N, C-alpha and C. Protein backbone atom coordinates (compact mmCIF):
# COMPACT_ATOMS: atom_id res chain seq x y z
N UNK A 1 5.04 -14.63 202.45
CA UNK A 1 5.53 -14.90 201.13
C UNK A 1 5.00 -16.26 200.69
N UNK A 2 4.52 -16.32 199.49
CA UNK A 2 3.98 -17.54 198.93
C UNK A 2 4.90 -17.97 197.80
N UNK A 3 5.28 -19.24 197.78
CA UNK A 3 6.12 -19.75 196.71
C UNK A 3 5.27 -19.97 195.47
N UNK A 4 5.60 -19.28 194.40
CA UNK A 4 4.80 -19.34 193.17
C UNK A 4 4.82 -20.75 192.57
N UNK A 5 5.96 -21.43 192.63
CA UNK A 5 6.06 -22.77 192.03
C UNK A 5 5.19 -23.79 192.77
N UNK A 6 4.97 -23.58 194.08
CA UNK A 6 4.17 -24.50 194.88
C UNK A 6 3.27 -23.70 195.83
N UNK A 7 2.14 -23.15 195.33
CA UNK A 7 1.29 -22.31 196.16
C UNK A 7 0.64 -23.04 197.35
N UNK A 8 0.59 -24.36 197.32
CA UNK A 8 -0.01 -25.10 198.43
C UNK A 8 0.96 -25.26 199.60
N UNK A 9 2.22 -24.95 199.37
CA UNK A 9 3.24 -25.01 200.44
C UNK A 9 2.90 -23.94 201.49
N UNK A 10 3.13 -24.21 202.78
CA UNK A 10 2.81 -23.21 203.81
C UNK A 10 3.50 -21.87 203.55
N UNK A 11 2.75 -20.79 203.74
CA UNK A 11 3.26 -19.44 203.49
C UNK A 11 4.16 -19.00 204.63
N UNK A 12 5.08 -18.09 204.33
CA UNK A 12 5.97 -17.51 205.34
C UNK A 12 5.50 -16.09 205.60
N UNK A 13 5.17 -15.78 206.84
CA UNK A 13 4.64 -14.47 207.20
C UNK A 13 5.73 -13.58 207.78
N UNK A 14 5.71 -12.30 207.41
CA UNK A 14 6.57 -11.32 208.06
C UNK A 14 6.02 -10.98 209.43
N UNK A 15 4.71 -10.84 209.50
CA UNK A 15 4.03 -10.56 210.77
C UNK A 15 2.59 -11.03 210.60
N UNK A 16 2.00 -11.53 211.66
CA UNK A 16 0.64 -12.06 211.59
C UNK A 16 -0.12 -11.60 212.83
N UNK A 17 -0.88 -10.52 212.68
CA UNK A 17 -1.69 -9.99 213.77
C UNK A 17 -3.16 -10.15 213.41
N UNK A 18 -3.94 -10.81 214.26
CA UNK A 18 -5.38 -10.88 213.97
C UNK A 18 -6.02 -9.51 214.17
N UNK A 19 -6.84 -9.11 213.24
CA UNK A 19 -7.53 -7.83 213.36
C UNK A 19 -8.80 -7.85 212.53
N UNK A 20 -9.59 -6.80 212.65
CA UNK A 20 -10.82 -6.67 211.88
C UNK A 20 -10.78 -5.42 211.01
N UNK A 21 -9.60 -5.13 210.47
CA UNK A 21 -9.43 -3.96 209.62
C UNK A 21 -10.07 -4.21 208.26
N UNK A 22 -10.79 -3.23 207.76
CA UNK A 22 -11.38 -3.32 206.43
C UNK A 22 -10.26 -3.30 205.39
N UNK A 23 -10.41 -4.06 204.33
CA UNK A 23 -9.36 -4.17 203.32
C UNK A 23 -9.08 -2.81 202.67
N UNK A 24 -10.05 -1.93 202.63
CA UNK A 24 -9.85 -0.60 202.04
C UNK A 24 -9.00 0.30 202.93
N UNK A 25 -8.80 -0.08 204.19
CA UNK A 25 -8.02 0.74 205.13
C UNK A 25 -6.54 0.35 205.17
N UNK A 26 -6.12 -0.58 204.32
CA UNK A 26 -4.74 -1.07 204.32
C UNK A 26 -4.10 -0.80 202.97
N UNK A 27 -2.80 -0.44 202.99
CA UNK A 27 -2.07 -0.22 201.75
C UNK A 27 -0.71 -0.90 201.85
N UNK A 28 -0.30 -1.57 200.78
CA UNK A 28 1.01 -2.22 200.69
C UNK A 28 1.77 -1.62 199.52
N UNK A 29 3.07 -1.42 199.71
CA UNK A 29 3.90 -0.91 198.62
C UNK A 29 5.34 -1.31 198.88
N UNK A 30 6.15 -1.33 197.83
CA UNK A 30 7.57 -1.63 197.97
C UNK A 30 8.38 -0.35 197.88
N UNK A 31 9.46 -0.30 198.64
CA UNK A 31 10.34 0.85 198.69
C UNK A 31 11.76 0.36 198.44
N UNK A 32 12.44 1.00 197.51
CA UNK A 32 13.86 0.71 197.26
C UNK A 32 14.66 1.81 197.92
N UNK A 33 15.66 1.42 198.72
CA UNK A 33 16.48 2.40 199.43
C UNK A 33 17.93 1.96 199.36
N UNK A 34 18.84 2.92 199.33
CA UNK A 34 20.26 2.58 199.29
C UNK A 34 21.05 3.39 200.32
N UNK A 35 20.68 3.24 201.58
CA UNK A 35 21.39 3.90 202.67
C UNK A 35 22.45 2.96 203.23
N UNK A 36 23.36 3.54 203.99
CA UNK A 36 24.46 2.78 204.58
C UNK A 36 24.02 2.21 205.93
N UNK A 37 23.92 0.89 206.05
CA UNK A 37 23.47 0.25 207.29
C UNK A 37 24.44 0.41 208.45
N UNK A 38 25.74 0.47 208.17
CA UNK A 38 26.69 0.53 209.27
C UNK A 38 27.01 1.97 209.68
N UNK A 39 26.36 2.95 209.05
CA UNK A 39 26.45 4.36 209.42
C UNK A 39 27.89 4.89 209.45
N UNK A 40 28.72 4.40 208.55
CA UNK A 40 30.08 4.91 208.44
C UNK A 40 30.11 6.02 207.40
N UNK A 41 31.14 6.86 207.49
CA UNK A 41 31.30 7.92 206.50
C UNK A 41 31.79 7.32 205.19
N UNK A 42 30.98 7.48 204.16
CA UNK A 42 31.35 6.97 202.85
C UNK A 42 32.14 8.02 202.08
N UNK A 43 33.00 7.54 201.24
CA UNK A 43 33.73 8.44 200.36
C UNK A 43 32.77 8.99 199.31
N UNK A 44 33.07 10.16 198.81
CA UNK A 44 32.19 10.77 197.81
C UNK A 44 32.11 9.87 196.59
N UNK A 45 30.90 9.65 196.13
CA UNK A 45 30.68 8.82 194.95
C UNK A 45 30.51 7.35 195.27
N UNK A 46 30.73 6.95 196.54
CA UNK A 46 30.56 5.56 196.94
C UNK A 46 29.07 5.23 196.99
N UNK A 47 28.67 4.16 196.32
CA UNK A 47 27.27 3.78 196.27
C UNK A 47 27.02 2.61 197.21
N UNK A 48 25.96 2.67 197.99
CA UNK A 48 25.54 1.58 198.86
C UNK A 48 24.62 0.67 198.05
N UNK A 49 24.55 -0.58 198.47
CA UNK A 49 23.67 -1.53 197.78
C UNK A 49 22.21 -1.15 197.99
N UNK A 50 21.42 -1.28 196.95
CA UNK A 50 20.01 -0.96 197.04
C UNK A 50 19.28 -2.12 197.70
N UNK A 51 18.39 -1.80 198.67
CA UNK A 51 17.63 -2.82 199.39
C UNK A 51 16.14 -2.62 199.16
N UNK A 52 15.42 -3.72 199.19
CA UNK A 52 13.98 -3.69 198.98
C UNK A 52 13.28 -3.82 200.33
N UNK A 53 12.30 -2.94 200.56
CA UNK A 53 11.52 -2.94 201.80
C UNK A 53 10.04 -3.01 201.45
N UNK A 54 9.27 -3.57 202.37
CA UNK A 54 7.81 -3.62 202.24
C UNK A 54 7.22 -2.60 203.19
N UNK A 55 6.41 -1.68 202.65
CA UNK A 55 5.74 -0.65 203.46
C UNK A 55 4.28 -1.06 203.63
N UNK A 56 3.84 -1.11 204.88
CA UNK A 56 2.46 -1.45 205.20
C UNK A 56 1.88 -0.30 206.00
N UNK A 57 0.77 0.25 205.53
CA UNK A 57 0.11 1.32 206.27
C UNK A 57 -1.36 0.96 206.43
N UNK A 58 -1.92 1.38 207.57
CA UNK A 58 -3.34 1.09 207.82
C UNK A 58 -3.88 2.04 208.87
N UNK A 59 -5.21 2.14 208.90
CA UNK A 59 -5.91 2.90 209.92
C UNK A 59 -6.55 1.89 210.86
N UNK A 60 -6.21 1.97 212.15
CA UNK A 60 -6.77 1.05 213.14
C UNK A 60 -8.21 1.45 213.46
N UNK A 61 -9.12 0.51 213.31
CA UNK A 61 -10.53 0.75 213.58
C UNK A 61 -10.74 0.95 215.08
N UNK A 62 -11.62 1.88 215.46
CA UNK A 62 -11.94 2.12 216.86
C UNK A 62 -10.96 3.03 217.56
N UNK A 63 -9.68 2.83 217.34
CA UNK A 63 -8.66 3.68 217.96
C UNK A 63 -8.40 4.94 217.15
N UNK A 64 -8.73 4.89 215.87
CA UNK A 64 -8.48 6.00 214.95
C UNK A 64 -7.01 6.41 214.93
N UNK A 65 -6.14 5.43 214.89
CA UNK A 65 -4.71 5.70 214.73
C UNK A 65 -4.28 5.26 213.34
N UNK A 66 -3.32 5.95 212.80
CA UNK A 66 -2.73 5.62 211.51
C UNK A 66 -1.34 5.05 211.75
N UNK A 67 -1.04 3.93 211.13
CA UNK A 67 0.21 3.23 211.37
C UNK A 67 0.94 2.99 210.06
N UNK A 68 2.27 3.06 210.13
CA UNK A 68 3.12 2.76 208.99
C UNK A 68 4.26 1.88 209.47
N UNK A 69 4.43 0.74 208.84
CA UNK A 69 5.53 -0.17 209.12
C UNK A 69 6.37 -0.32 207.87
N UNK A 70 7.69 -0.35 208.04
CA UNK A 70 8.60 -0.63 206.94
C UNK A 70 9.40 -1.87 207.33
N UNK A 71 9.22 -2.95 206.58
CA UNK A 71 9.90 -4.22 206.84
C UNK A 71 11.08 -4.38 205.90
N UNK A 72 12.21 -4.84 206.41
CA UNK A 72 13.35 -5.21 205.59
C UNK A 72 13.06 -6.62 205.06
N UNK A 73 12.99 -6.77 203.76
CA UNK A 73 12.63 -8.05 203.16
C UNK A 73 13.70 -9.11 203.44
N UNK A 74 14.98 -8.73 203.42
CA UNK A 74 16.06 -9.71 203.61
C UNK A 74 16.13 -10.22 205.05
N UNK A 75 16.11 -9.31 206.03
CA UNK A 75 16.27 -9.71 207.43
C UNK A 75 14.94 -9.98 208.13
N UNK A 76 13.83 -9.56 207.52
CA UNK A 76 12.47 -9.74 208.06
C UNK A 76 12.27 -9.04 209.39
N UNK A 77 12.93 -7.90 209.58
CA UNK A 77 12.72 -7.12 210.79
C UNK A 77 12.03 -5.80 210.43
N UNK A 78 11.40 -5.18 211.42
CA UNK A 78 10.77 -3.88 211.22
C UNK A 78 11.86 -2.81 211.28
N UNK A 79 12.05 -2.08 210.18
CA UNK A 79 13.06 -1.04 210.13
C UNK A 79 12.52 0.30 210.63
N UNK A 80 11.21 0.51 210.50
CA UNK A 80 10.61 1.77 210.87
C UNK A 80 9.16 1.53 211.26
N UNK A 81 8.69 2.23 212.28
CA UNK A 81 7.28 2.15 212.69
C UNK A 81 6.85 3.53 213.14
N UNK A 82 5.75 4.01 212.58
CA UNK A 82 5.19 5.30 212.95
C UNK A 82 3.71 5.11 213.24
N UNK A 83 3.26 5.72 214.34
CA UNK A 83 1.85 5.69 214.71
C UNK A 83 1.43 7.09 215.12
N UNK A 84 0.30 7.54 214.59
CA UNK A 84 -0.18 8.88 214.94
C UNK A 84 -1.70 8.87 215.02
N UNK A 85 -2.25 9.90 215.70
CA UNK A 85 -3.69 10.04 215.86
C UNK A 85 -4.26 10.92 214.79
């Protein structure tokens, strides 16, 4: 994350992996979801708070694997990871 008011300030990274992936092989998108984090039974009509997630997908060069990561923007943890051939 880069602070718009002060772009020269050090950036905050969700994850930083060195790689040689071509920029065309990576996709970023935001996902809004409103699921219940504590997995309790909600009453009918009860709405959960909507959360914003960052989805990162890419094809790993050489390994030919496709990866999808979903990061929780608030907690900065990986909520979902899928890898397939």
